[in-house]
Protein backbone atom coordinates (compact mmCIF):
# COMPACT_ATOMS: atom_id res chain seq x y z
CA UNK A 1 -40.07 5.24 -17.67
CA UNK A 2 -36.51 4.30 -16.54
CA UNK A 3 -35.47 0.72 -16.79
CA UNK A 4 -34.89 -0.99 -13.46
CA UNK A 5 -32.00 -3.44 -13.08
CA UNK A 6 -32.87 -7.10 -12.92
CA UNK A 7 -33.58 -8.26 -9.38
CA UNK A 8 -31.21 -11.20 -9.66
CA UNK A 9 -28.35 -9.26 -11.22
CA UNK A 10 -25.00 -9.73 -9.47
CA UNK A 11 -22.11 -7.51 -10.52
CA UNK A 12 -18.75 -8.92 -11.52
CA UNK A 13 -17.22 -7.30 -8.45
CA UNK A 14 -19.71 -8.98 -6.12
CA UNK A 15 -19.14 -12.31 -7.85
CA UNK A 16 -15.38 -11.92 -7.46
CA UNK A 17 -15.60 -11.08 -3.75
CA UNK A 18 -17.97 -13.95 -3.03
CA UNK A 19 -15.73 -16.40 -4.87
CA UNK A 20 -12.64 -15.10 -3.09
CA UNK A 21 -14.30 -15.52 0.32
CA UNK A 22 -15.41 -19.03 -0.64
CA UNK A 23 -11.84 -19.96 -1.61
CA UNK A 24 -10.23 -18.27 1.41
CA UNK A 25 -12.64 -18.40 4.34
CA UNK A 26 -10.02 -17.10 6.81
CA UNK A 27 -9.47 -13.89 4.82
CA UNK A 28 -11.79 -11.74 6.96
CA UNK A 29 -10.06 -12.91 10.15
CA UNK A 30 -6.66 -12.01 8.67
CA UNK A 31 -8.01 -8.59 7.65
CA UNK A 32 -9.17 -7.92 11.22
CA UNK A 33 -5.78 -9.00 12.61
CA UNK A 34 -3.94 -6.74 10.19
CA UNK A 35 -6.18 -3.80 11.03
CA UNK A 36 -5.59 -4.35 14.75
CA UNK A 37 -1.82 -4.17 14.23
CA UNK A 38 -1.78 -0.82 12.48
CA UNK A 39 -5.05 0.98 13.25
CA UNK A 40 -7.02 -0.23 16.25
CA UNK A 41 -5.22 1.17 19.27
CA UNK A 42 -6.32 1.38 22.89
CA UNK A 43 -6.32 4.76 24.67
CA UNK A 44 -3.33 3.57 26.71
CA UNK A 45 -1.32 2.83 23.54
CA UNK A 46 -2.28 6.21 22.08
CA UNK A 47 -1.21 8.03 25.27
CA UNK A 48 2.12 6.19 25.27
CA UNK A 49 2.67 7.14 21.64
CA UNK A 50 1.89 10.80 22.42
CA UNK A 51 4.46 10.80 25.25
CA UNK A 52 7.07 9.32 22.91
CA UNK A 53 6.31 11.94 20.26
CA UNK A 54 6.71 14.77 22.79
CA UNK A 55 10.23 13.61 23.65
CA UNK A 56 11.33 13.19 20.06
CA UNK A 57 14.45 15.17 19.13
CA UNK A 58 14.01 17.04 15.85
CA UNK A 59 16.25 15.79 13.09
CA UNK A 60 18.28 18.39 11.18
CA UNK A 61 17.25 19.10 7.61
CA UNK A 62 20.35 17.50 6.12
CA UNK A 63 21.69 14.75 8.35
CA UNK A 64 24.99 14.25 6.51
CA UNK A 65 26.17 17.81 6.99
CA UNK A 66 27.62 18.87 10.33
CA UNK A 67 26.61 22.30 11.52
CA UNK A 68 29.37 24.09 13.46
């Protein structure tokens, strides 16, 4: 019969995260703000980005060499 883990066992990782959140209660809010900056985009922002990408001029392979 396999041994079951203790019901009150808390891993070191879980202990660390709980302690961190106790010490820095605003951490989850800051995480959400950071995610919103880089990842959470509205459809309007995504459409604007797509338009900008369409108009992008391709950069030459070696920018310091002039092609004649």
